C-alpha atoms as a PDB file:
ATOM      1  CA  UNK A   1     -39.059 -26.745   6.069  1.00  0.00           C
ATOM      2  CA  UNK A   2     -37.883 -25.875   2.555  1.00  0.00           C
ATOM      3  CA  UNK A   3     -38.470 -27.720  -0.705  1.00  0.00           C
ATOM      4  CA  UNK A   4     -35.261 -28.087  -2.707  1.00  0.00           C
ATOM      5  CA  UNK A   5     -35.496 -28.305  -6.471  1.00  0.00           C
ATOM      6  CA  UNK A   6     -32.376 -30.150  -7.679  1.00  0.00           C
ATOM      7  CA  UNK A   7     -31.088 -30.061 -11.275  1.00  0.00           C
ATOM      8  CA  UNK A   8     -28.320 -32.346 -12.407  1.00  0.00           C
ATOM      9  CA  UNK A   9     -26.501 -30.943 -15.427  1.00  0.00           C
ATOM     10  CA  UNK A  10     -24.306 -33.529 -17.093  1.00  0.00           C
ATOM     11  CA  UNK A  11     -21.772 -32.890 -19.791  1.00  0.00           C
ATOM     12  CA  UNK A  12     -20.542 -35.909 -21.751  1.00  0.00           C
ATOM     13  CA  UNK A  13     -17.835 -35.590 -24.341  1.00  0.00           C
ATOM     14  CA  UNK A  14     -17.387 -38.377 -26.858  1.00  0.00           C
ATOM     15  CA  UNK A  15     -15.353 -38.791 -30.038  1.00  0.00           C
ATOM     16  CA  UNK A  16     -17.031 -39.762 -33.303  1.00  0.00           C
ATOM     17  CA  UNK A  17     -15.145 -40.329 -36.553  1.00  0.00           C
ATOM     18  CA  UNK A  18     -16.638 -38.723 -39.671  1.00  0.00           C
ATOM     19  CA  UNK A  19     -15.044 -37.820 -42.976  1.00  0.00           C
ATOM     20  CA  UNK A  20     -16.728 -34.398 -43.127  1.00  0.00           C
ATOM     21  CA  UNK A  21     -19.549 -32.214 -41.803  1.00  0.00           C
ATOM     22  CA  UNK A  22     -22.132 -33.881 -44.055  1.00  0.00           C
ATOM     23  CA  UNK A  23     -21.337 -37.291 -42.559  1.00  0.00           C
ATOM     24  CA  UNK A  24     -21.434 -35.831 -39.061  1.00  0.00           C
ATOM     25  CA  UNK A  25     -24.866 -34.309 -39.740  1.00  0.00           C
ATOM     26  CA  UNK A  26     -26.066 -37.694 -40.986  1.00  0.00           C
ATOM     27  CA  UNK A  27     -24.772 -39.420 -37.824  1.00  0.00           C
ATOM     28  CA  UNK A  28     -26.563 -36.838 -35.727  1.00  0.00           C
ATOM     29  CA  UNK A  29     -29.791 -37.064 -37.738  1.00  0.00           C
ATOM     30  CA  UNK A  30     -29.958 -40.893 -37.660  1.00  0.00           C
ATOM     31  CA  UNK A  31     -29.481 -40.929 -33.873  1.00  0.00           C
ATOM     32  CA  UNK A  32     -25.965 -42.342 -33.755  1.00  0.00           C
ATOM     33  CA  UNK A  33     -24.631 -39.410 -31.740  1.00  0.00           C
ATOM     34  CA  UNK A  34     -27.365 -39.687 -29.125  1.00  0.00           C
ATOM     35  CA  UNK A  35     -26.935 -43.472 -28.966  1.00  0.00           C
ATOM     36  CA  UNK A  36     -23.244 -43.055 -28.170  1.00  0.00           C
ATOM     37  CA  UNK A  37     -23.921 -40.382 -25.574  1.00  0.00           C
ATOM     38  CA  UNK A  38     -26.596 -42.429 -23.752  1.00  0.00           C
ATOM     39  CA  UNK A  39     -25.300 -45.966 -24.099  1.00  0.00           C
ATOM     40  CA  UNK A  40     -24.146 -47.090 -20.634  1.00  0.00           C
ATOM     41  CA  UNK A  41     -21.546 -49.334 -22.222  1.00  0.00           C
ATOM     42  CA  UNK A  42     -19.989 -46.400 -24.089  1.00  0.00           C
ATOM     43  CA  UNK A  43     -16.834 -45.080 -22.444  1.00  0.00           C
ATOM     44  CA  UNK A  44     -16.927 -41.263 -22.608  1.00  0.00           C
ATOM     45  CA  UNK A  45     -13.725 -39.306 -23.129  1.00  0.00           C
ATOM     46  CA  UNK A  46     -14.919 -36.774 -20.532  1.00  0.00           C
ATOM     47  CA  UNK A  47     -17.845 -36.685 -18.175  1.00  0.00           C
ATOM     48  CA  UNK A  48     -18.765 -33.978 -15.701  1.00  0.00           C
ATOM     49  CA  UNK A  49     -21.784 -33.539 -13.424  1.00  0.00           C
ATOM     50  CA  UNK A  50     -22.958 -30.357 -11.806  1.00  0.00           C
ATOM     51  CA  UNK A  51     -25.797 -30.075  -9.312  1.00  0.00           C
ATOM     52  CA  UNK A  52     -27.851 -26.893  -8.910  1.00  0.00           C
ATOM     53  CA  UNK A  53     -29.993 -26.454  -5.792  1.00  0.00           C
ATOM     54  CA  UNK A  54     -32.884 -24.030  -5.771  1.00  0.00           C
ATOM     55  CA  UNK A  55     -35.257 -22.994  -2.993  1.00  0.00           C
ATOM     56  CA  UNK A  56     -38.243 -20.719  -3.658  1.00  0.00           C
ATOM     57  CA  UNK A  57     -36.730 -19.711  -7.027  1.00  0.00           C
ATOM     58  CA  UNK A  58     -33.325 -18.876  -5.547  1.00  0.00           C
ATOM     59  CA  UNK A  59     -30.163 -20.865  -6.246  1.00  0.00           C
ATOM     60  CA  UNK A  60     -28.524 -21.866  -2.966  1.00  0.00           C
ATOM     61  CA  UNK A  61     -25.069 -23.184  -2.119  1.00  0.00           C
ATOM     62  CA  UNK A  62     -25.756 -26.108   0.198  1.00  0.00           C
ATOM     63  CA  UNK A  63     -22.020 -26.424   0.891  1.00  0.00           C
ATOM     64  CA  UNK A  64     -21.725 -22.886   2.279  1.00  0.00           C
ATOM     65  CA  UNK A  65     -21.345 -23.229   6.080  1.00  0.00           C
ATOM     66  CA  UNK A  66     -22.869 -19.727   6.701  1.00  0.00           C
ATOM     67  CA  UNK A  67     -26.657 -19.921   6.834  1.00  0.00           C
END
């Protein structure tokens, strides 16, 4: 029996309006960016999930038919 360590890597792309870099830094610093990325009601422009499976420190392809 093997123990599988599973990592889910999620990329979320959102759009935030800001007049310049200083305003964007302020939105990041005050938590607005994180709020938009984590709010379940927010509709992301793009979302992608990747799963990585690891056994005994080795990444494995669980979908590979050859074992």
